[in-house]
C-alpha atoms as a PDB file:
ATOM      1  CA  MET A   1      19.671  50.719  18.144  1.00  0.00           C
ATOM      2  CA  SER A   2      18.399  53.368  16.344  1.00  0.00           C
ATOM      3  CA  ASP A   3      14.744  54.752  17.205  1.00  0.00           C
ATOM      4  CA  LEU A   4      14.370  55.341  13.390  1.00  0.00           C
ATOM      5  CA  PRO A   5      11.953  53.424  11.744  1.00  0.00           C
ATOM      6  CA  GLU A   6      12.387  50.402   9.278  1.00  0.00           C
ATOM      7  CA  VAL A   7       9.764  49.898   6.417  1.00  0.00           C
ATOM      8  CA  THR A   8       9.373  47.474   4.328  1.00  0.00           C
ATOM      9  CA  PHE A   9       7.456  47.555   1.506  1.00  0.00           C
ATOM     10  CA  CYS A  10       5.205  44.378   1.203  1.00  0.00           C
ATOM     11  CA  GLY A  11       5.784  41.429  -1.404  1.00  0.00           C
ATOM     12  CA  ILE A  12       4.165  37.936  -1.507  1.00  0.00           C
ATOM     13  CA  GLU A  13       7.054  36.617   0.620  1.00  0.00           C
ATOM     14  CA  HIS A  14       5.412  38.009   3.764  1.00  0.00           C
ATOM     15  CA  VAL A  15       2.251  36.532   3.549  1.00  0.00           C
ATOM     16  CA  ASP A  16       2.592  34.597   6.109  1.00  0.00           C
ATOM     17  CA  LEU A  17       3.473  37.357   8.677  1.00  0.00           C
ATOM     18  CA  LEU A  18       0.840  39.186   7.353  1.00  0.00           C
ATOM     19  CA  ALA A  19      -1.567  36.392   8.380  1.00  0.00           C
ATOM     20  CA  GLU A  20      -0.010  36.044  11.742  1.00  0.00           C
ATOM     21  CA  MET A  21       0.454  39.604  12.861  1.00  0.00           C
ATOM     22  CA  HIS A  22      -3.636  40.093  11.313  1.00  0.00           C
ATOM     23  CA  SER A  23      -4.672  37.105  13.131  1.00  0.00           C
ATOM     24  CA  ARG A  24      -3.593  38.441  16.944  1.00  0.00           C
ATOM     25  CA  SER A  25      -5.169  41.725  15.918  1.00  0.00           C
ATOM     26  CA  PHE A  26      -8.403  40.337  14.233  1.00  0.00           C
ATOM     27  CA  ALA A  27      -8.858  37.263  15.918  1.00  0.00           C
ATOM     28  CA  VAL A  28     -12.512  36.454  15.010  1.00  0.00           C
ATOM     29  CA  SER A  29     -12.282  38.346  11.235  1.00  0.00           C
ATOM     30  CA  ALA A  30      -8.491  37.016  10.538  1.00  0.00           C
ATOM     31  CA  TRP A  31      -7.128  37.398   7.205  1.00  0.00           C
ATOM     32  CA  ASN A  32      -5.268  34.206   6.350  1.00  0.00           C
ATOM     33  CA  ALA A  33      -2.062  33.937   4.237  1.00  0.00           C
ATOM     34  CA  LYS A  34      -4.175  33.102   1.072  1.00  0.00           C
ATOM     35  CA  ASP A  35      -6.067  36.026   1.509  1.00  0.00           C
ATOM     36  CA  PHE A  36      -3.126  38.248   1.590  1.00  0.00           C
ATOM     37  CA  LEU A  37      -1.356  36.852  -1.528  1.00  0.00           C
ATOM     38  CA  GLY A  38      -4.495  37.377  -3.715  1.00  0.00           C
ATOM     39  CA  LEU A  39      -4.122  41.302  -2.303  1.00  0.00           C
ATOM     40  CA  LEU A  40      -0.754  41.889  -3.028  1.00  0.00           C
ATOM     41  CA  ILE A  41      -0.802  40.206  -6.451  1.00  0.00           C
ATOM     42  CA  GLN A  42      -3.170  42.586  -7.581  1.00  0.00           C
ATOM     43  CA  LYS A  43      -1.156  45.970  -9.268  1.00  0.00           C
ATOM     44  CA  THR A  44      -3.058  48.786  -7.478  1.00  0.00           C
ATOM     45  CA  ASN A  45      -2.527  47.342  -3.693  1.00  0.00           C
ATOM     46  CA  LYS A  46       0.139  48.152  -1.843  1.00  0.00           C
ATOM     47  CA  GLY A  47       1.413  47.779   1.405  1.00  0.00           C
ATOM     48  CA  PHE A  48       4.357  48.121   4.295  1.00  0.00           C
ATOM     49  CA  ILE A  49       5.437  46.838   7.712  1.00  0.00           C
ATOM     50  CA  TYR A  50       6.764  48.941   9.935  1.00  0.00           C
ATOM     51  CA  CYS A  51       9.504  47.928  11.944  1.00  0.00           C
ATOM     52  CA  LYS A  52      10.980  48.405  15.405  1.00  0.00           C
ATOM     53  CA  ASN A  53      14.786  47.462  16.246  1.00  0.00           C
ATOM     54  CA  GLY A  54      13.874  45.106  13.262  1.00  0.00           C
ATOM     55  CA  HIS A  55      10.915  43.240  14.974  1.00  0.00           C
ATOM     56  CA  PRO A  56       7.555  44.035  12.946  1.00  0.00           C
ATOM     57  CA  VAL A  57       5.269  45.985  15.465  1.00  0.00           C
ATOM     58  CA  GLY A  58       2.463  46.670  12.121  1.00  0.00           C
ATOM     59  CA  PHE A  59       1.368  46.984   8.908  1.00  0.00           C
ATOM     60  CA  ILE A  60      -0.925  49.019   6.476  1.00  0.00           C
ATOM     61  CA  ILE A  61      -2.439  47.717   2.707  1.00  0.00           C
ATOM     62  CA  TRP A  62      -3.897  49.941   0.633  1.00  0.00           C
ATOM     63  CA  GLN A  63      -5.397  50.486  -2.582  1.00  0.00           C
ATOM     64  CA  GLU A  64      -4.256  52.886  -5.064  1.00  0.00           C
ATOM     65  CA  VAL A  65      -6.162  53.844  -7.691  1.00  0.00           C
ATOM     66  CA  ALA A  66      -6.740  57.279 -10.268  1.00  0.00           C
ATOM     67  CA  GLY A  67      -5.607  59.810  -7.509  1.00  0.00           C
ATOM     68  CA  GLU A  68      -6.843  57.836  -4.480  1.00  0.00           C
ATOM     69  CA  ALA A  69      -6.489  55.368  -1.898  1.00  0.00           C
ATOM     70  CA  GLU A  70      -8.277  53.012   0.393  1.00  0.00           C
ATOM     71  CA  ILE A  71      -7.046  51.393   3.677  1.00  0.00           C
ATOM     72  CA  LEU A  72      -7.879  47.801   3.123  1.00  0.00           C
ATOM     73  CA  THR A  73      -6.692  46.613   6.239  1.00  0.00           C
ATOM     74  CA  PHE A  74      -3.968  48.141   9.486  1.00  0.00           C
ATOM     75  CA  CYS A  75      -3.099  46.498  12.491  1.00  0.00           C
ATOM     76  CA  VAL A  76       0.009  47.006  15.003  1.00  0.00           C
ATOM     77  CA  ASP A  77       0.209  44.126  16.915  1.00  0.00           C
ATOM     78  CA  PRO A  78      -1.225  43.759  20.353  1.00  0.00           C
ATOM     79  CA  GLY A  79       2.104  43.781  22.483  1.00  0.00           C
ATOM     80  CA  SER A  80       3.348  47.236  20.643  1.00  0.00           C
ATOM     81  CA  ARG A  81       0.181  48.906  20.934  1.00  0.00           C
ATOM     82  CA  GLY A  82      -0.028  52.610  22.741  1.00  0.00           C
ATOM     83  CA  GLN A  83       3.167  53.634  21.977  1.00  0.00           C
ATOM     84  CA  GLY A  84       2.044  56.082  18.801  1.00  0.00           C
ATOM     85  CA  TYR A  85       2.891  53.202  16.073  1.00  0.00           C
ATOM     86  CA  SER A  86      -0.435  53.904  14.634  1.00  0.00           C
ATOM     87  CA  LYS A  87       0.200  57.503  13.700  1.00  0.00           C
ATOM     88  CA  LYS A  88       3.753  56.907  12.833  1.00  0.00           C
ATOM     89  CA  ILE A  89       2.530  54.297  10.235  1.00  0.00           C
ATOM     90  CA  ILE A  90      -0.653  56.641   8.837  1.00  0.00           C
ATOM     91  CA  SER A  91       1.876  59.740   8.766  1.00  0.00           C
ATOM     92  CA  LEU A  92       4.381  57.164   6.716  1.00  0.00           C
ATOM     93  CA  LEU A  93       1.809  56.339   4.428  1.00  0.00           C
ATOM     94  CA  PHE A  94       0.250  60.213   4.163  1.00  0.00           C
ATOM     95  CA  GLU A  95       3.871  61.384   3.253  1.00  0.00           C
ATOM     96  CA  HIS A  96       4.016  58.016   0.449  1.00  0.00           C
ATOM     97  CA  LEU A  97       0.651  59.131  -0.703  1.00  0.00           C
ATOM     98  CA  ASN A  98       1.533  62.372  -1.455  1.00  0.00           C
ATOM     99  CA  GLN A  99       4.822  61.667  -3.182  1.00  0.00           C
ATOM    100  CA  ALA A 100       2.740  59.047  -5.540  1.00  0.00           C
ATOM    101  CA  SER A 101       0.232  61.936  -6.564  1.00  0.00           C
ATOM    102  CA  VAL A 102      -2.350  60.774  -4.014  1.00  0.00           C
ATOM    103  CA  TYR A 103      -4.647  63.113  -2.362  1.00  0.00           C
ATOM    104  CA  LYS A 104      -7.411  61.373  -1.230  1.00  0.00           C
ATOM    105  CA  MET A 105      -7.666  58.469   1.406  1.00  0.00           C
ATOM    106  CA  PHE A 106     -10.724  56.556   2.387  1.00  0.00           C
ATOM    107  CA  LEU A 107     -10.898  53.680   4.998  1.00  0.00           C
ATOM    108  CA  GLU A 108     -14.061  51.840   6.311  1.00  0.00           C
ATOM    109  CA  VAL A 109     -14.276  50.865  10.232  1.00  0.00           C
ATOM    110  CA  SER A 110     -16.388  49.038  12.749  1.00  0.00           C
ATOM    111  CA  GLU A 111     -18.439  51.639  14.054  1.00  0.00           C
ATOM    112  CA  ASP A 112     -17.762  50.307  17.550  1.00  0.00           C
ATOM    113  CA  ASN A 113     -13.973  50.304  17.487  1.00  0.00           C
ATOM    114  CA  MET A 114     -13.670  53.423  19.510  1.00  0.00           C
ATOM    115  CA  ILE A 115      -9.945  53.567  19.280  1.00  0.00           C
ATOM    116  CA  ALA A 116      -9.348  53.213  15.788  1.00  0.00           C
ATOM    117  CA  LEU A 117     -12.249  55.960  15.182  1.00  0.00           C
ATOM    118  CA  SER A 118     -10.328  58.474  17.865  1.00  0.00           C
ATOM    119  CA  LEU A 119      -7.464  57.715  15.705  1.00  0.00           C
ATOM    120  CA  TYR A 120      -8.911  58.006  12.862  1.00  0.00           C
ATOM    121  CA  ARG A 121     -10.189  61.540  13.735  1.00  0.00           C
ATOM    122  CA  THR A 122      -6.675  62.592  15.270  1.00  0.00           C
ATOM    123  CA  MET A 123      -5.368  61.940  11.799  1.00  0.00           C
ATOM    124  CA  GLY A 124      -8.081  64.051  10.137  1.00  0.00           C
ATOM    125  CA  PHE A 125     -10.252  61.524   8.765  1.00  0.00           C
ATOM    126  CA  GLU A 126     -14.222  62.119   8.603  1.00  0.00           C
ATOM    127  CA  GLU A 127     -17.309  60.743   8.151  1.00  0.00           C
ATOM    128  CA  VAL A 128     -18.605  60.489   4.504  1.00  0.00           C
ATOM    129  CA  ALA A 129     -21.404  57.314   4.812  1.00  0.00           C
ATOM    130  CA  ARG A 130     -21.933  54.440   6.381  1.00  0.00           C
ATOM    131  CA  ARG A 131     -22.661  50.738   5.486  1.00  0.00           C
ATOM    132  CA  SER A 132     -25.716  49.604   7.688  1.00  0.00           C
ATOM    133  CA  LYS A 133     -25.303  46.611   9.585  1.00  0.00           C
ATOM    134  CA  TYR A 134     -22.148  45.887   7.776  1.00  0.00           C
ATOM    135  CA  TYR A 135     -20.184  43.909   9.977  1.00  0.00           C
ATOM    136  CA  HIS A 136     -21.607  41.041  12.061  1.00  0.00           C
ATOM    137  CA  ARG A 137     -20.565  39.483  15.306  1.00  0.00           C
ATOM    138  CA  PRO A 138     -20.152  36.652  16.391  1.00  0.00           C
ATOM    139  CA  ASP A 139     -23.235  37.162  18.933  1.00  0.00           C
ATOM    140  CA  GLY A 140     -25.192  37.934  16.358  1.00  0.00           C
ATOM    141  CA  LEU A 141     -25.274  41.634  16.705  1.00  0.00           C
ATOM    142  CA  SER A 142     -24.500  43.543  13.520  1.00  0.00           C
ATOM    143  CA  VAL A 143     -22.789  47.003  13.367  1.00  0.00           C
ATOM    144  CA  ASP A 144     -22.799  49.776  10.755  1.00  0.00           C
ATOM    145  CA  ALA A 145     -18.951  50.174   8.785  1.00  0.00           C
ATOM    146  CA  VAL A 146     -18.564  53.907   8.775  1.00  0.00           C
ATOM    147  CA  ILE A 147     -16.685  54.978   5.838  1.00  0.00           C
ATOM    148  CA  MET A 148     -14.157  58.079   6.363  1.00  0.00           C
ATOM    149  CA  SER A 149     -12.095  60.255   3.962  1.00  0.00           C
ATOM    150  CA  VAL A 150      -9.194  62.680   4.116  1.00  0.00           C
ATOM    151  CA  ASP A 151      -7.667  64.955   1.858  1.00  0.00           C
ATOM    152  CA  ILE A 152      -3.957  64.354   2.550  1.00  0.00           C
END
């Protein structure tokens, strides 16, 4: 099989797959199929699934408005992590947004998600703000959401 990625743009027919993958990545705060349906029926929201040899390894969903985009959710399946798929997916998103005349992207990430913060910084994102105690953990602790942006 080819080493070239397969990219499939998300549609409502993918909501069950997205929910399943999301639950493996975000056990405590996973979104369900109804959540994804609510996102994907909105015209400003888009996403794609990245596959390797026909097997979904990750996906990203974003919103495009007025020349800017915000990543709404993004995950790589736990069994496929550490193989560079996160960088590939974000790079593909940058390419797509550039072609769509979108030149600035935002995201938010938990301040204690060091792996994601490192990835985003490597991809050029910089912290622009925080939402204090935005994420609530099952143990009762709250942590900040770090808002990041990058010019594409």
